[in-house]
C-alpha atoms as a PDB file:
ATOM      1  CA  MET A   1     -16.355  14.423   1.246  1.00  0.00           C
ATOM      2  CA  SER A   2     -16.454  12.590  -2.039  1.00  0.00           C
ATOM      3  CA  LEU A   3     -18.936   9.741  -2.241  1.00  0.00           C
ATOM      4  CA  ASP A   4     -16.158   7.173  -2.654  1.00  0.00           C
ATOM      5  CA  ALA A   5     -14.187   8.471   0.325  1.00  0.00           C
ATOM      6  CA  ASP A   6     -17.356   8.769   2.400  1.00  0.00           C
ATOM      7  CA  ALA A   7     -18.402   5.205   1.546  1.00  0.00           C
ATOM      8  CA  PHE A   8     -14.913   3.927   2.370  1.00  0.00           C
ATOM      9  CA  SER A   9     -14.931   5.703   5.744  1.00  0.00           C
ATOM     10  CA  ILE A  10     -18.322   4.221   6.608  1.00  0.00           C
ATOM     11  CA  MET A  11     -17.207   0.761   5.438  1.00  0.00           C
ATOM     12  CA  LEU A  12     -14.157   0.925   7.742  1.00  0.00           C
ATOM     13  CA  LEU A  13     -16.392   1.821  10.682  1.00  0.00           C
ATOM     14  CA  GLU A  14     -18.731  -1.080   9.869  1.00  0.00           C
ATOM     15  CA  GLU A  15     -15.730  -3.438   9.629  1.00  0.00           C
ATOM     16  CA  ALA A  16     -14.493  -2.315  13.043  1.00  0.00           C
ATOM     17  CA  LYS A  17     -17.909  -2.956  14.566  1.00  0.00           C
ATOM     18  CA  ARG A  18     -18.070  -6.386  12.932  1.00  0.00           C
ATOM     19  CA  PHE A  19     -14.607  -7.289  14.249  1.00  0.00           C
ATOM     20  CA  LEU A  20     -15.870  -6.397  17.727  1.00  0.00           C
ATOM     21  CA  GLU A  21     -18.901  -8.639  17.224  1.00  0.00           C
ATOM     22  CA  LYS A  22     -16.608 -11.453  16.056  1.00  0.00           C
ATOM     23  CA  ALA A  23     -14.401 -10.948  19.128  1.00  0.00           C
ATOM     24  CA  ASP A  24     -17.430 -11.466  21.343  1.00  0.00           C
ATOM     25  CA  GLU A  25     -18.172 -14.736  19.499  1.00  0.00           C
ATOM     26  CA  GLY A  26     -14.624 -16.097  19.915  1.00  0.00           C
ATOM     27  CA  ASP A  27     -12.147 -16.729  22.681  1.00  0.00           C
ATOM     28  CA  GLY A  28      -8.418 -16.912  23.297  1.00  0.00           C
ATOM     29  CA  PRO A  29      -6.088 -15.798  20.493  1.00  0.00           C
ATOM     30  CA  GLU A  30      -8.976 -15.477  18.017  1.00  0.00           C
ATOM     31  CA  ARG A  31     -10.782 -13.062  20.352  1.00  0.00           C
ATOM     32  CA  ASP A  32      -7.615 -11.020  20.888  1.00  0.00           C
ATOM     33  CA  ALA A  33      -6.970 -10.783  17.142  1.00  0.00           C
ATOM     34  CA  TYR A  34     -10.499  -9.518  16.505  1.00  0.00           C
ATOM     35  CA  LEU A  35     -10.195  -6.968  19.323  1.00  0.00           C
ATOM     36  CA  HIS A  36      -6.904  -5.720  17.860  1.00  0.00           C
ATOM     37  CA  ALA A  37      -8.499  -5.492  14.412  1.00  0.00           C
ATOM     38  CA  ALA A  38     -11.564  -3.676  15.767  1.00  0.00           C
ATOM     39  CA  LEU A  39      -9.427  -1.063  17.484  1.00  0.00           C
ATOM     40  CA  ILE A  40      -7.029  -0.457  14.597  1.00  0.00           C
ATOM     41  CA  VAL A  41      -9.736  -0.364  11.922  1.00  0.00           C
ATOM     42  CA  GLY A  42     -11.965   1.774  14.150  1.00  0.00           C
ATOM     43  CA  PHE A  43      -9.305   4.440  14.395  1.00  0.00           C
ATOM     44  CA  SER A  44      -8.609   4.129  10.660  1.00  0.00           C
ATOM     45  CA  ALA A  45     -12.304   4.848  10.132  1.00  0.00           C
ATOM     46  CA  LEU A  46     -12.095   7.884  12.410  1.00  0.00           C
ATOM     47  CA  GLU A  47      -9.020   9.234  10.611  1.00  0.00           C
ATOM     48  CA  SER A  48     -10.625   8.613   7.227  1.00  0.00           C
ATOM     49  CA  HIS A  49     -13.722  10.535   8.317  1.00  0.00           C
ATOM     50  CA  ILE A  50     -11.591  13.352   9.768  1.00  0.00           C
ATOM     51  CA  ASN A  51      -9.655  13.661   6.510  1.00  0.00           C
ATOM     52  CA  GLY A  52     -12.873  13.776   4.505  1.00  0.00           C
ATOM     53  CA  ILE A  53     -14.406  16.398   6.773  1.00  0.00           C
ATOM     54  CA  ALA A  54     -11.165  18.392   6.606  1.00  0.00           C
ATOM     55  CA  ASP A  55     -11.287  18.295   2.792  1.00  0.00           C
ATOM     56  CA  GLU A  56     -14.861  19.594   2.880  1.00  0.00           C
ATOM     57  CA  LEU A  57     -14.011  22.425   5.271  1.00  0.00           C
ATOM     58  CA  SER A  58     -10.829  23.346   3.439  1.00  0.00           C
ATOM     59  CA  ALA A  59     -12.716  23.776   0.161  1.00  0.00           C
ATOM     60  CA  ARG A  60     -15.121  26.310   1.676  1.00  0.00           C
ATOM     61  CA  ALA A  61     -14.506  29.869   0.496  1.00  0.00           C
ATOM     62  CA  GLN A  62     -14.536  31.332   4.008  1.00  0.00           C
ATOM     63  CA  THR A  63     -11.754  29.010   5.254  1.00  0.00           C
ATOM     64  CA  ASP A  64      -8.662  31.088   5.954  1.00  0.00           C
ATOM     65  CA  LEU A  65      -5.066  30.071   5.321  1.00  0.00           C
ATOM     66  CA  LEU A  66      -4.255  29.042   8.892  1.00  0.00           C
ATOM     67  CA  ALA A  67      -7.350  26.845   9.029  1.00  0.00           C
ATOM     68  CA  ARG A  68      -6.430  25.285   5.675  1.00  0.00           C
ATOM     69  CA  SER A  69      -2.953  24.546   7.028  1.00  0.00           C
ATOM     70  CA  ILE A  70      -4.440  22.634   9.952  1.00  0.00           C
ATOM     71  CA  LEU A  71      -7.161  20.938   7.916  1.00  0.00           C
ATOM     72  CA  GLU A  72      -4.907  19.899   5.031  1.00  0.00           C
ATOM     73  CA  GLU A  73      -1.915  19.253   7.306  1.00  0.00           C
ATOM     74  CA  LYS A  74       0.329  21.416   5.163  1.00  0.00           C
ATOM     75  CA  GLN A  75       3.090  23.687   6.351  1.00  0.00           C
ATOM     76  CA  LEU A  76       2.691  27.446   6.046  1.00  0.00           C
ATOM     77  CA  VAL A  77       5.595  29.120   4.231  1.00  0.00           C
ATOM     78  CA  LEU A  78       6.539  32.710   3.621  1.00  0.00           C
ATOM     79  CA  ASP A  79       6.976  33.242  -0.120  1.00  0.00           C
ATOM     80  CA  LYS A  80       8.041  36.694  -1.339  1.00  0.00           C
ATOM     81  CA  GLY A  81       6.474  38.308   1.694  1.00  0.00           C
ATOM     82  CA  HIS A  82       3.189  36.386   1.503  1.00  0.00           C
ATOM     83  CA  TRP A  83       1.999  33.415   3.499  1.00  0.00           C
ATOM     84  CA  LYS A  84       0.916  30.402   1.505  1.00  0.00           C
ATOM     85  CA  LEU A  85       0.504  26.660   1.923  1.00  0.00           C
ATOM     86  CA  GLY A  86       3.719  24.844   1.251  1.00  0.00           C
ATOM     87  CA  ASN A  87       4.219  21.420  -0.253  1.00  0.00           C
ATOM     88  CA  LYS A  88       5.580  19.872   2.933  1.00  0.00           C
ATOM     89  CA  GLU A  89       3.234  18.045   5.233  1.00  0.00           C
ATOM     90  CA  GLN A  90       2.848  19.161   8.816  1.00  0.00           C
ATOM     91  CA  PHE A  91       1.054  16.535  10.805  1.00  0.00           C
ATOM     92  CA  PHE A  92      -1.103  17.271  13.810  1.00  0.00           C
ATOM     93  CA  ARG A  93      -2.182  14.762  16.405  1.00  0.00           C
ATOM     94  CA  LEU A  94      -5.608  13.281  15.729  1.00  0.00           C
ATOM     95  CA  GLU A  95      -7.035  14.694  18.940  1.00  0.00           C
ATOM     96  CA  GLU A  96      -5.734  18.177  18.023  1.00  0.00           C
ATOM     97  CA  ARG A  97      -7.522  18.110  14.668  1.00  0.00           C
ATOM     98  CA  ILE A  98     -10.765  16.891  16.263  1.00  0.00           C
ATOM     99  CA  SER A  99     -10.547  19.560  18.944  1.00  0.00           C
ATOM    100  CA  TYR A 100      -9.857  22.230  16.327  1.00  0.00           C
ATOM    101  CA  MET A 101     -12.856  21.198  14.222  1.00  0.00           C
ATOM    102  CA  LEU A 102     -15.220  21.044  17.172  1.00  0.00           C
ATOM    103  CA  ASN A 103     -14.093  24.351  18.638  1.00  0.00           C
ATOM    104  CA  ASN A 104     -14.178  26.198  15.334  1.00  0.00           C
ATOM    105  CA  TYR A 105     -17.237  24.749  13.607  1.00  0.00           C
ATOM    106  CA  TYR A 106     -19.632  23.666  16.340  1.00  0.00           C
ATOM    107  CA  GLN A 107     -22.236  26.326  17.008  1.00  0.00           C
ATOM    108  CA  LYS A 108     -22.992  25.408  20.619  1.00  0.00           C
ATOM    109  CA  GLY A 109     -19.575  25.922  22.192  1.00  0.00           C
ATOM    110  CA  VAL A 110     -18.494  22.410  22.928  1.00  0.00           C
ATOM    111  CA  GLY A 111     -16.319  22.450  26.018  1.00  0.00           C
ATOM    112  CA  THR A 112     -15.088  18.924  26.677  1.00  0.00           C
ATOM    113  CA  PRO A 113     -17.471  16.331  25.240  1.00  0.00           C
ATOM    114  CA  GLY A 114     -18.376  13.344  27.402  1.00  0.00           C
ATOM    115  CA  TRP A 115     -16.694  10.922  24.985  1.00  0.00           C
ATOM    116  CA  TRP A 116     -13.358  12.779  24.986  1.00  0.00           C
ATOM    117  CA  SER A 117     -11.576  10.856  27.769  1.00  0.00           C
ATOM    118  CA  GLU A 118     -12.530   7.482  26.266  1.00  0.00           C
ATOM    119  CA  LEU A 119     -11.300   8.637  22.866  1.00  0.00           C
ATOM    120  CA  ILE A 120      -7.938   9.609  24.367  1.00  0.00           C
ATOM    121  CA  LEU A 121      -7.669   6.223  26.111  1.00  0.00           C
ATOM    122  CA  GLY A 122      -8.527   4.535  22.815  1.00  0.00           C
ATOM    123  CA  ILE A 123      -5.819   6.510  21.017  1.00  0.00           C
ATOM    124  CA  LYS A 124      -3.302   5.377  23.636  1.00  0.00           C
ATOM    125  CA  ALA A 125      -4.392   1.749  23.214  1.00  0.00           C
ATOM    126  CA  ARG A 126      -4.223   2.060  19.426  1.00  0.00           C
ATOM    127  CA  ASN A 127      -0.755   3.604  19.682  1.00  0.00           C
ATOM    128  CA  GLY A 128       0.282   0.705  21.899  1.00  0.00           C
ATOM    129  CA  LEU A 129      -0.673  -1.701  19.107  1.00  0.00           C
ATOM    130  CA  VAL A 130       0.799   0.353  16.271  1.00  0.00           C
ATOM    131  CA  HIS A 131       4.046   1.240  18.089  1.00  0.00           C
ATOM    132  CA  PRO A 132       4.386  -1.615  20.595  1.00  0.00           C
ATOM    133  CA  ARG A 133       6.859  -1.359  23.449  1.00  0.00           C
ATOM    134  CA  SER A 134       5.097  -3.955  25.549  1.00  0.00           C
ATOM    135  CA  ALA A 135       2.186  -6.357  25.245  1.00  0.00           C
ATOM    136  CA  VAL A 136      -1.223  -4.718  24.908  1.00  0.00           C
ATOM    137  CA  LYS A 137      -4.105  -6.518  26.596  1.00  0.00           C
ATOM    138  CA  LEU A 138      -7.554  -5.450  25.446  1.00  0.00           C
ATOM    139  CA  GLU A 139     -10.895  -6.463  26.831  1.00  0.00           C
ATOM    140  CA  SER A 140     -14.080  -6.382  24.799  1.00  0.00           C
ATOM    141  CA  GLN A 141     -15.635  -3.715  27.035  1.00  0.00           C
ATOM    142  CA  ASP A 142     -12.569  -1.490  26.481  1.00  0.00           C
ATOM    143  CA  VAL A 143     -12.888  -1.697  22.710  1.00  0.00           C
ATOM    144  CA  GLN A 144     -16.662  -1.157  23.008  1.00  0.00           C
ATOM    145  CA  ARG A 145     -16.016   2.085  24.906  1.00  0.00           C
ATOM    146  CA  TYR A 146     -13.381   3.234  22.404  1.00  0.00           C
ATOM    147  CA  LEU A 147     -15.577   2.514  19.374  1.00  0.00           C
ATOM    148  CA  THR A 148     -18.519   4.200  21.072  1.00  0.00           C
ATOM    149  CA  ALA A 149     -16.322   7.276  21.641  1.00  0.00           C
ATOM    150  CA  ILE A 150     -15.400   7.239  17.944  1.00  0.00           C
ATOM    151  CA  ILE A 151     -19.088   7.029  16.956  1.00  0.00           C
ATOM    152  CA  GLU A 152     -20.018   9.850  19.354  1.00  0.00           C
ATOM    153  CA  ALA A 153     -17.127  12.005  18.097  1.00  0.00           C
ATOM    154  CA  LEU A 154     -18.141  11.452  14.481  1.00  0.00           C
ATOM    155  CA  ASN A 155     -21.746  12.294  15.245  1.00  0.00           C
ATOM    156  CA  ASP A 156     -20.740  15.548  16.962  1.00  0.00           C
ATOM    157  CA  LEU A 157     -18.418  16.429  14.072  1.00  0.00           C
ATOM    158  CA  TYR A 158     -21.101  15.690  11.475  1.00  0.00           C
ATOM    159  CA  ASN A 159     -23.573  17.831  13.411  1.00  0.00           C
ATOM    160  CA  ALA A 160     -20.983  20.611  13.621  1.00  0.00           C
ATOM    161  CA  VAL A 161     -19.968  20.594   9.976  1.00  0.00           C
ATOM    162  CA  PHE A 162     -22.951  19.261   8.037  1.00  0.00           C
ATOM    163  CA  GLY A 163     -25.815  20.151  10.382  1.00  0.00           C
ATOM    164  CA  LYS A 164     -26.931  16.526  10.696  1.00  0.00           C
ATOM    165  CA  GLY A 165     -25.675  13.464  12.521  1.00  0.00           C
ATOM    166  CA  HIS A 166     -23.490  10.684  11.194  1.00  0.00           C
ATOM    167  CA  PRO A 167     -25.446   8.295   8.915  1.00  0.00           C
ATOM    168  CA  SER A 168     -24.818   5.201  11.048  1.00  0.00           C
ATOM    169  CA  TYR A 169     -25.096   6.853  14.456  1.00  0.00           C
ATOM    170  CA  ASN A 170     -28.397   5.226  15.431  1.00  0.00           C
ATOM    171  CA  ARG A 171     -26.955   1.729  14.931  1.00  0.00           C
ATOM    172  CA  GLN A 172     -24.209   2.461  17.489  1.00  0.00           C
ATOM    173  CA  LEU A 173     -22.053  -0.718  17.726  1.00  0.00           C
ATOM    174  CA  GLN A 174     -24.323  -2.890  15.587  1.00  0.00           C
ATOM    175  CA  SER A 175     -22.596  -3.674  12.291  1.00  0.00           C
ATOM    176  CA  THR A 176     -24.325  -4.106   8.948  1.00  0.00           C
ATOM    177  CA  MET A 177     -21.702  -6.664   7.864  1.00  0.00           C
ATOM    178  CA  ILE A 178     -22.034 -10.421   8.143  1.00  0.00           C
ATOM    179  CA  PHE A 179     -18.559 -11.865   7.452  1.00  0.00           C
END
């Protein structure tokens, strides 16, 4: 990950945690708005981290073409009898990319991590806000669980790919921001 992209990813995660803190300080519509912001920005932070990790893995010499297709979200095309990455994007679901990275880069053999089900519930809640078909009601403890799942997922991914945990893992849901 580039330093700028890495810093941006970490900043988004800190913003999400601060929005959660602000939600716990407020009530009514203000509380709901902060919970919505925490969830959306939290998943933006996760996707930003995933994209940065994918860039790092894709640049490694031992990464094969199929892996690069998944990591870079590019379509494979057959060109004059040879497979290559095409110019068209081929998007994968967030949970598919996370699962791929864990299963292919984690040394321990992951299985299903304890945070997985909460992450999936968080994705569904986020999708409900981003693509609303009905009203989404969030409680602070729900968003706490979803952000914790994001933090746990990032820590496992960082351990898998970089051999060390995520830089802000030990702070858990405590933000460094004061807005």
